[in-house]
Amino acid sequence: MKLKVTLEEAEEGGYIVSCPELPGCHSQGDTAEEALENIKEAIEGCLESLSEETLYNRNKQDRR
């Protein structure tokens, strides 16, 4: 599964990265590379926290 992420420079230094397809899924890092590695872990955590019922309902709505 491929998900898009947004990467922005933080005002205080470092980088902030988010996954718009998973609301609330954000991470950060001192470098762009570190932030991108960190968001992979954050995405895994977000996906694990979604219940099977939520995924089922989302797929059911997409079929309509």
N, C-alpha and C. Protein backbone atom coordinates (compact mmCIF):
# COMPACT_ATOMS: atom_id res chain seq x y z
N MET A 1 0.84 -1.17 0.00
CA MET A 1 0.00 0.00 0.00
C MET A 1 0.89 1.24 0.00
N LYS A 2 0.61 2.15 -0.91
CA LYS A 2 1.37 3.39 -0.96
C LYS A 2 0.46 4.53 -0.52
N LEU A 3 0.96 5.34 0.38
CA LEU A 3 0.24 6.50 0.86
C LEU A 3 1.08 7.75 0.62
N LYS A 4 0.43 8.84 0.28
CA LYS A 4 1.15 10.09 0.08
C LYS A 4 1.41 10.74 1.43
N VAL A 5 2.54 11.42 1.52
CA VAL A 5 2.87 12.18 2.73
C VAL A 5 3.29 13.58 2.32
N THR A 6 3.15 14.51 3.25
CA THR A 6 3.62 15.88 3.04
C THR A 6 4.79 16.13 3.97
N LEU A 7 5.81 16.78 3.46
CA LEU A 7 7.02 17.06 4.22
C LEU A 7 7.24 18.57 4.21
N GLU A 8 7.37 19.17 5.39
CA GLU A 8 7.57 20.61 5.50
C GLU A 8 8.71 20.91 6.46
N GLU A 9 9.42 21.98 6.18
CA GLU A 9 10.44 22.43 7.13
C GLU A 9 9.74 23.07 8.31
N ALA A 10 10.16 22.73 9.51
CA ALA A 10 9.60 23.31 10.73
C ALA A 10 10.29 24.65 11.00
N GLU A 11 9.54 25.62 11.52
CA GLU A 11 10.10 26.94 11.82
C GLU A 11 11.25 26.85 12.81
N GLU A 12 11.14 25.94 13.76
CA GLU A 12 12.17 25.81 14.81
C GLU A 12 13.31 24.89 14.39
N GLY A 13 13.28 24.44 13.14
CA GLY A 13 14.31 23.53 12.64
C GLY A 13 13.76 22.13 12.49
N GLY A 14 14.38 21.36 11.65
CA GLY A 14 13.92 20.00 11.41
C GLY A 14 12.77 19.98 10.42
N TYR A 15 12.08 18.86 10.39
CA TYR A 15 11.01 18.65 9.41
C TYR A 15 9.79 18.02 10.08
N ILE A 16 8.63 18.38 9.55
CA ILE A 16 7.35 17.81 9.99
C ILE A 16 6.79 17.06 8.80
N VAL A 17 6.29 15.87 9.04
CA VAL A 17 5.73 15.06 7.96
C VAL A 17 4.38 14.52 8.40
N SER A 18 3.41 14.52 7.47
CA SER A 18 2.06 14.06 7.76
C SER A 18 1.57 13.16 6.64
N CYS A 19 0.60 12.34 6.98
CA CYS A 19 -0.07 11.50 5.99
C CYS A 19 -1.53 11.94 5.93
N PRO A 20 -1.90 12.76 4.93
CA PRO A 20 -3.26 13.29 4.85
C PRO A 20 -4.35 12.23 4.79
N GLU A 21 -4.03 11.06 4.27
CA GLU A 21 -5.02 9.99 4.16
C GLU A 21 -5.33 9.33 5.50
N LEU A 22 -4.48 9.60 6.51
CA LEU A 22 -4.70 9.07 7.86
C LEU A 22 -4.71 10.25 8.82
N PRO A 23 -5.88 10.85 9.05
CA PRO A 23 -5.94 12.01 9.94
C PRO A 23 -5.28 11.74 11.29
N GLY A 24 -4.47 12.68 11.72
CA GLY A 24 -3.78 12.55 12.99
C GLY A 24 -2.46 11.81 12.90
N CYS A 25 -2.08 11.38 11.71
CA CYS A 25 -0.83 10.64 11.53
C CYS A 25 0.28 11.61 11.13
N HIS A 26 1.11 11.96 12.10
CA HIS A 26 2.18 12.93 11.90
C HIS A 26 3.46 12.42 12.54
N SER A 27 4.58 12.95 12.10
CA SER A 27 5.86 12.66 12.72
C SER A 27 6.81 13.81 12.42
N GLN A 28 8.04 13.66 12.86
CA GLN A 28 9.03 14.71 12.64
C GLN A 28 10.42 14.10 12.64
N GLY A 29 11.40 14.91 12.28
CA GLY A 29 12.78 14.46 12.30
C GLY A 29 13.72 15.64 12.12
N ASP A 30 14.96 15.45 12.51
CA ASP A 30 15.96 16.50 12.35
C ASP A 30 16.32 16.72 10.89
N THR A 31 16.24 15.66 10.09
CA THR A 31 16.51 15.75 8.65
C THR A 31 15.29 15.24 7.90
N ALA A 32 15.22 15.55 6.62
CA ALA A 32 14.11 15.06 5.80
C ALA A 32 14.10 13.54 5.79
N GLU A 33 15.27 12.94 5.67
CA GLU A 33 15.36 11.48 5.64
C GLU A 33 14.85 10.86 6.93
N GLU A 34 15.24 11.45 8.06
CA GLU A 34 14.79 10.93 9.35
C GLU A 34 13.28 11.07 9.49
N ALA A 35 12.74 12.21 9.08
CA ALA A 35 11.29 12.42 9.16
C ALA A 35 10.54 11.40 8.32
N LEU A 36 11.06 11.11 7.12
CA LEU A 36 10.40 10.14 6.25
C LEU A 36 10.47 8.73 6.83
N GLU A 37 11.56 8.38 7.48
CA GLU A 37 11.65 7.08 8.15
C GLU A 37 10.66 7.03 9.32
N ASN A 38 10.57 8.12 10.06
CA ASN A 38 9.68 8.16 11.22
C ASN A 38 8.22 8.06 10.82
N ILE A 39 7.84 8.67 9.69
CA ILE A 39 6.44 8.61 9.29
C ILE A 39 6.05 7.19 8.89
N LYS A 40 6.99 6.41 8.41
CA LYS A 40 6.69 5.00 8.10
C LYS A 40 6.23 4.28 9.36
N GLU A 41 6.93 4.51 10.46
CA GLU A 41 6.55 3.88 11.73
C GLU A 41 5.21 4.42 12.21
N ALA A 42 4.99 5.73 12.04
CA ALA A 42 3.72 6.33 12.47
C ALA A 42 2.56 5.76 11.66
N ILE A 43 2.76 5.59 10.36
CA ILE A 43 1.71 5.03 9.51
C ILE A 43 1.39 3.60 9.94
N GLU A 44 2.41 2.81 10.22
CA GLU A 44 2.18 1.44 10.69
C GLU A 44 1.33 1.46 11.96
N GLY A 45 1.65 2.35 12.88
CA GLY A 45 0.89 2.46 14.13
C GLY A 45 -0.54 2.88 13.89
N CYS A 46 -0.74 3.84 13.00
CA CYS A 46 -2.09 4.30 12.68
C CYS A 46 -2.92 3.19 12.05
N LEU A 47 -2.31 2.46 11.13
CA LEU A 47 -3.03 1.37 10.48
C LEU A 47 -3.37 0.26 11.45
N GLU A 48 -2.47 -0.03 12.35
CA GLU A 48 -2.73 -1.07 13.35
C GLU A 48 -3.87 -0.68 14.28
N SER A 49 -4.01 0.62 14.53
CA SER A 49 -5.04 1.07 15.46
C SER A 49 -6.44 1.09 14.84
N LEU A 50 -6.49 1.05 13.51
CA LEU A 50 -7.80 1.00 12.87
C LEU A 50 -8.40 -0.39 13.07
N SER A 51 -9.61 -0.43 13.47
CA SER A 51 -10.25 -1.73 13.69
C SER A 51 -10.67 -2.35 12.36
N GLU A 52 -10.82 -3.65 12.35
CA GLU A 52 -11.27 -4.34 11.14
C GLU A 52 -12.65 -3.83 10.72
N GLU A 53 -13.47 -3.48 11.68
CA GLU A 53 -14.81 -2.98 11.38
C GLU A 53 -14.72 -1.66 10.63
N THR A 54 -13.83 -0.78 11.05
CA THR A 54 -13.66 0.50 10.37
C THR A 54 -13.21 0.29 8.94
N LEU A 55 -12.25 -0.59 8.73
CA LEU A 55 -11.77 -0.88 7.38
C LEU A 55 -12.88 -1.49 6.53
N TYR A 56 -13.66 -2.39 7.13
CA TYR A 56 -14.76 -3.02 6.41
C TYR A 56 -15.78 -1.97 5.98
N ASN A 57 -16.16 -1.09 6.89
CA ASN A 57 -17.16 -0.06 6.58
C ASN A 57 -16.65 0.90 5.50
N ARG A 58 -15.39 1.24 5.55
CA ARG A 58 -14.81 2.14 4.55
C ARG A 58 -14.84 1.49 3.16
N ASN A 59 -14.48 0.21 3.09
CA ASN A 59 -14.51 -0.51 1.82
C ASN A 59 -15.93 -0.66 1.30
N LYS A 60 -16.86 -0.88 2.20
CA LYS A 60 -18.26 -1.03 1.83
C LYS A 60 -18.78 0.27 1.21
N GLN A 61 -18.43 1.41 1.79
CA GLN A 61 -18.85 2.71 1.25
C GLN A 61 -18.22 2.98 -0.10
N ASP A 62 -16.98 2.58 -0.30
CA ASP A 62 -16.28 2.80 -1.57
C ASP A 62 -16.94 2.05 -2.72
N ARG A 63 -17.59 0.94 -2.41
CA ARG A 63 -18.21 0.11 -3.45
C ARG A 63 -19.52 0.69 -3.95
N ARG A 64 -20.08 1.65 -3.23
CA ARG A 64 -21.39 2.22 -3.62
C ARG A 64 -21.26 3.15 -4.77
